[in-house]
Amino acid sequence: MEVERFSELVDEAIASIPEDFRSRLDNIAIQIRPIAPPNLYRDLSKNPWGLLGVYQGVPYAGRGPWYGSVLPDRILIFQKPIERLARTAAEIRKLVRQVVIHEVGHYFGLSDDELHRLEHEADDAEAGRTAGDEDADESPSLG
């Protein structure tokens, strides 16, 4: 998949986040990388092909009056591992959304339970959008 299309999927994922959360995204950059760089996956003791996204920064809930004049937090989304796990355009779109929501959840300092709830809400919203689409079951293969 072209990086421009993948970037559109990331933008769609951000747009699918409930407005009360999306409006509080501040001082954060979302970047797409082909795969995690060696220093990152080594620091996290992860396989680079299993690392789909990473949040780096000071969680929103932990920011106090001292927080200012700092570089933006970052969410890194790793395209190649996502594409490796998801073979169709529909699967890639769904996985991108799940990864973005998960990493935004870390930005807010949310618990795993809260992250899972948000992921399910996004899935439900997506199911509602595609339910009326006559071609929803036809997904082109990217393999």
C-alpha atoms as a PDB file:
ATOM      1  CA  MET A   1       0.000   0.000   0.000  1.00  0.00           C
ATOM      2  CA  GLU A   2       1.270   3.451  -0.821  1.00  0.00           C
ATOM      3  CA  VAL A   3       2.283   5.479   2.230  1.00  0.00           C
ATOM      4  CA  GLU A   4      -0.172   8.233   1.205  1.00  0.00           C
ATOM      5  CA  ARG A   5      -3.111   5.794   1.389  1.00  0.00           C
ATOM      6  CA  PHE A   6      -1.817   4.365   4.648  1.00  0.00           C
ATOM      7  CA  SER A   7      -1.612   7.929   6.010  1.00  0.00           C
ATOM      8  CA  GLU A   8      -5.259   8.472   5.012  1.00  0.00           C
ATOM      9  CA  LEU A   9      -6.173   5.384   7.049  1.00  0.00           C
ATOM     10  CA  VAL A  10      -4.357   6.832  10.061  1.00  0.00           C
ATOM     11  CA  ASP A  11      -6.263  10.104   9.582  1.00  0.00           C
ATOM     12  CA  GLU A  12      -9.551   8.168   9.388  1.00  0.00           C
ATOM     13  CA  ALA A  13      -8.626   6.364  12.597  1.00  0.00           C
ATOM     14  CA  ILE A  14      -8.006   9.677  14.370  1.00  0.00           C
ATOM     15  CA  ALA A  15     -11.361  10.959  13.085  1.00  0.00           C
ATOM     16  CA  SER A  16     -13.075   7.857  14.532  1.00  0.00           C
ATOM     17  CA  ILE A  17     -11.949   8.712  18.072  1.00  0.00           C
ATOM     18  CA  PRO A  18     -14.788  10.179  20.140  1.00  0.00           C
ATOM     19  CA  GLU A  19     -14.724  13.981  20.027  1.00  0.00           C
ATOM     20  CA  ASP A  20     -14.289  14.379  23.803  1.00  0.00           C
ATOM     21  CA  PHE A  21     -10.927  12.610  23.461  1.00  0.00           C
ATOM     22  CA  ARG A  22      -9.944  13.933  20.029  1.00  0.00           C
ATOM     23  CA  SER A  23     -10.405  17.552  21.130  1.00  0.00           C
ATOM     24  CA  ARG A  24      -7.842  17.028  23.917  1.00  0.00           C
ATOM     25  CA  LEU A  25      -5.055  15.772  21.670  1.00  0.00           C
ATOM     26  CA  ASP A  26      -2.434  18.449  22.239  1.00  0.00           C
ATOM     27  CA  ASN A  27       1.290  18.670  21.535  1.00  0.00           C
ATOM     28  CA  ILE A  28       1.400  15.298  19.815  1.00  0.00           C
ATOM     29  CA  ALA A  29       2.751  14.220  16.450  1.00  0.00           C
ATOM     30  CA  ILE A  30       1.558  11.082  14.717  1.00  0.00           C
ATOM     31  CA  GLN A  31       4.163   9.642  12.385  1.00  0.00           C
ATOM     32  CA  ILE A  32       4.218   6.686  10.041  1.00  0.00           C
ATOM     33  CA  ARG A  33       7.397   4.660   9.727  1.00  0.00           C
ATOM     34  CA  PRO A  34       7.973   1.550   7.640  1.00  0.00           C
ATOM     35  CA  ILE A  35       9.180  -0.431  10.671  1.00  0.00           C
ATOM     36  CA  ALA A  36      10.485   0.324  14.166  1.00  0.00           C
ATOM     37  CA  PRO A  37      14.130   1.424  14.213  1.00  0.00           C
ATOM     38  CA  PRO A  38      16.612  -0.944  15.911  1.00  0.00           C
ATOM     39  CA  ASN A  39      17.187   1.267  18.954  1.00  0.00           C
ATOM     40  CA  LEU A  40      13.444   1.368  19.664  1.00  0.00           C
ATOM     41  CA  TYR A  41      12.629  -2.309  19.339  1.00  0.00           C
ATOM     42  CA  ARG A  42      15.739  -3.230  21.319  1.00  0.00           C
ATOM     43  CA  ASP A  43      14.816  -0.786  24.106  1.00  0.00           C
ATOM     44  CA  LEU A  44      11.344  -2.329  24.234  1.00  0.00           C
ATOM     45  CA  SER A  45      12.668  -5.901  23.903  1.00  0.00           C
ATOM     46  CA  LYS A  46      10.303  -6.466  20.993  1.00  0.00           C
ATOM     47  CA  ASN A  47      10.496  -8.088  17.602  1.00  0.00           C
ATOM     48  CA  PRO A  48      10.260  -5.244  15.043  1.00  0.00           C
ATOM     49  CA  TRP A  49       7.697  -7.230  13.019  1.00  0.00           C
ATOM     50  CA  GLY A  50       5.469  -7.545  16.085  1.00  0.00           C
ATOM     51  CA  LEU A  51       5.613  -3.849  16.972  1.00  0.00           C
ATOM     52  CA  LEU A  52       2.665  -2.082  15.332  1.00  0.00           C
ATOM     53  CA  GLY A  53       2.747   1.243  17.151  1.00  0.00           C
ATOM     54  CA  VAL A  54       4.353   3.086  20.038  1.00  0.00           C
ATOM     55  CA  TYR A  55       3.459   6.088  22.168  1.00  0.00           C
ATOM     56  CA  GLN A  56       6.372   8.199  23.416  1.00  0.00           C
ATOM     57  CA  GLY A  57       5.887  11.118  25.748  1.00  0.00           C
ATOM     58  CA  VAL A  58       4.291  12.433  28.906  1.00  0.00           C
ATOM     59  CA  PRO A  59       0.732  11.093  29.220  1.00  0.00           C
ATOM     60  CA  TYR A  60      -1.966  13.754  29.218  1.00  0.00           C
ATOM     61  CA  ALA A  61      -3.169  12.755  32.679  1.00  0.00           C
ATOM     62  CA  GLY A  62       0.345  13.248  34.080  1.00  0.00           C
ATOM     63  CA  ARG A  63       0.893  16.747  32.740  1.00  0.00           C
ATOM     64  CA  GLY A  64       1.006  19.386  35.419  1.00  0.00           C
ATOM     65  CA  PRO A  65       1.696  23.107  35.577  1.00  0.00           C
ATOM     66  CA  TRP A  66       5.357  22.385  34.783  1.00  0.00           C
ATOM     67  CA  TYR A  67       4.404  20.972  31.381  1.00  0.00           C
ATOM     68  CA  GLY A  68       5.292  23.445  28.653  1.00  0.00           C
ATOM     69  CA  SER A  69       7.943  24.305  26.102  1.00  0.00           C
ATOM     70  CA  VAL A  70       8.541  20.618  25.415  1.00  0.00           C
ATOM     71  CA  LEU A  71       8.869  18.709  22.196  1.00  0.00           C
ATOM     72  CA  PRO A  72       5.652  17.051  21.044  1.00  0.00           C
ATOM     73  CA  ASP A  73       4.807  13.571  22.217  1.00  0.00           C
ATOM     74  CA  ARG A  74       4.887  11.025  19.403  1.00  0.00           C
ATOM     75  CA  ILE A  75       2.776   8.181  18.237  1.00  0.00           C
ATOM     76  CA  LEU A  76       4.656   6.035  15.781  1.00  0.00           C
ATOM     77  CA  ILE A  77       2.650   3.717  13.524  1.00  0.00           C
ATOM     78  CA  PHE A  78       4.621   0.991  11.750  1.00  0.00           C
ATOM     79  CA  GLN A  79       3.218   0.283   8.298  1.00  0.00           C
ATOM     80  CA  LYS A  80       5.016  -2.893   7.198  1.00  0.00           C
ATOM     81  CA  PRO A  81       4.195  -4.988  10.300  1.00  0.00           C
ATOM     82  CA  ILE A  82       0.542  -3.918  10.029  1.00  0.00           C
ATOM     83  CA  GLU A  83       0.439  -4.866   6.361  1.00  0.00           C
ATOM     84  CA  ARG A  84       2.112  -8.168   7.159  1.00  0.00           C
ATOM     85  CA  LEU A  85      -0.638  -9.078   9.649  1.00  0.00           C
ATOM     86  CA  ALA A  86      -3.554  -7.756   7.593  1.00  0.00           C
ATOM     87  CA  ARG A  87      -3.765  -8.889   3.989  1.00  0.00           C
ATOM     88  CA  THR A  88      -6.788  -7.015   2.613  1.00  0.00           C
ATOM     89  CA  ALA A  89      -7.545  -3.312   2.486  1.00  0.00           C
ATOM     90  CA  ALA A  90     -10.402  -3.825   4.959  1.00  0.00           C
ATOM     91  CA  GLU A  91      -8.161  -5.720   7.392  1.00  0.00           C
ATOM     92  CA  ILE A  92      -5.429  -3.077   7.145  1.00  0.00           C
ATOM     93  CA  ARG A  93      -7.967  -0.322   7.787  1.00  0.00           C
ATOM     94  CA  LYS A  94      -9.330  -2.125  10.845  1.00  0.00           C
ATOM     95  CA  LEU A  95      -5.885  -2.878  12.282  1.00  0.00           C
ATOM     96  CA  VAL A  96      -4.650   0.683  11.695  1.00  0.00           C
ATOM     97  CA  ARG A  97      -7.680   1.981  13.599  1.00  0.00           C
ATOM     98  CA  GLN A  98      -7.084  -0.441  16.476  1.00  0.00           C
ATOM     99  CA  VAL A  99      -3.396   0.498  16.733  1.00  0.00           C
ATOM    100  CA  VAL A 100      -4.058   4.251  16.561  1.00  0.00           C
ATOM    101  CA  ILE A 101      -6.788   4.070  19.208  1.00  0.00           C
ATOM    102  CA  HIS A 102      -4.571   1.944  21.428  1.00  0.00           C
ATOM    103  CA  GLU A 103      -1.665   4.392  21.202  1.00  0.00           C
ATOM    104  CA  VAL A 104      -3.925   7.411  21.739  1.00  0.00           C
ATOM    105  CA  GLY A 105      -5.179   5.592  24.814  1.00  0.00           C
ATOM    106  CA  HIS A 106      -1.617   5.480  26.113  1.00  0.00           C
ATOM    107  CA  TYR A 107      -1.385   9.236  25.471  1.00  0.00           C
ATOM    108  CA  PHE A 108      -4.317   9.646  27.862  1.00  0.00           C
ATOM    109  CA  GLY A 109      -2.858   7.194  30.358  1.00  0.00           C
ATOM    110  CA  LEU A 110      -5.875   4.897  30.016  1.00  0.00           C
ATOM    111  CA  SER A 111      -5.977   1.431  31.527  1.00  0.00           C
ATOM    112  CA  ASP A 112      -6.084  -1.672  29.372  1.00  0.00           C
ATOM    113  CA  ASP A 113      -9.805  -2.052  30.153  1.00  0.00           C
ATOM    114  CA  GLU A 114     -10.466   1.468  28.894  1.00  0.00           C
ATOM    115  CA  LEU A 115      -8.347   0.846  25.799  1.00  0.00           C
ATOM    116  CA  HIS A 116     -10.287  -2.322  25.000  1.00  0.00           C
ATOM    117  CA  ARG A 117     -13.586  -0.461  25.421  1.00  0.00           C
ATOM    118  CA  LEU A 118     -12.477   2.257  22.984  1.00  0.00           C
ATOM    119  CA  GLU A 119     -11.292  -0.343  20.483  1.00  0.00           C
ATOM    120  CA  HIS A 120     -14.675  -2.081  20.674  1.00  0.00           C
ATOM    121  CA  GLU A 121     -16.525   1.220  20.242  1.00  0.00           C
ATOM    122  CA  ALA A 122     -14.479   1.984  17.136  1.00  0.00           C
ATOM    123  CA  ASP A 123     -15.190  -1.510  15.785  1.00  0.00           C
ATOM    124  CA  ASP A 124     -18.908  -1.019  16.411  1.00  0.00           C
ATOM    125  CA  ALA A 125     -18.834   2.379  14.691  1.00  0.00           C
ATOM    126  CA  GLU A 126     -17.020   0.882  11.711  1.00  0.00           C
ATOM    127  CA  ALA A 127     -19.512  -1.973  11.476  1.00  0.00           C
ATOM    128  CA  GLY A 128     -22.304   0.602  11.379  1.00  0.00           C
ATOM    129  CA  ARG A 129     -20.633   2.530   8.542  1.00  0.00           C
ATOM    130  CA  THR A 130     -20.096  -0.537   6.355  1.00  0.00           C
ATOM    131  CA  ALA A 131     -23.439  -2.228   7.078  1.00  0.00           C
ATOM    132  CA  GLY A 132     -25.150  -0.185   4.368  1.00  0.00           C
ATOM    133  CA  ASP A 133     -22.353  -0.648   1.847  1.00  0.00           C
ATOM    134  CA  GLU A 134     -23.340  -3.303  -0.685  1.00  0.00           C
ATOM    135  CA  ASP A 135     -19.684  -4.041  -1.496  1.00  0.00           C
ATOM    136  CA  ALA A 136     -18.550  -4.330   2.145  1.00  0.00           C
ATOM    137  CA  ASP A 137     -17.789  -8.053   1.847  1.00  0.00           C
ATOM    138  CA  GLU A 138     -15.622  -7.537  -1.242  1.00  0.00           C
ATOM    139  CA  SER A 139     -12.128  -6.449  -0.187  1.00  0.00           C
ATOM    140  CA  PRO A 140      -9.330  -6.339  -2.731  1.00  0.00           C
ATOM    141  CA  SER A 141      -6.273  -8.382  -1.835  1.00  0.00           C
ATOM    142  CA  LEU A 142      -3.069  -6.467  -1.264  1.00  0.00           C
ATOM    143  CA  GLY A 143      -0.943  -9.636  -1.033  1.00  0.00           C
END
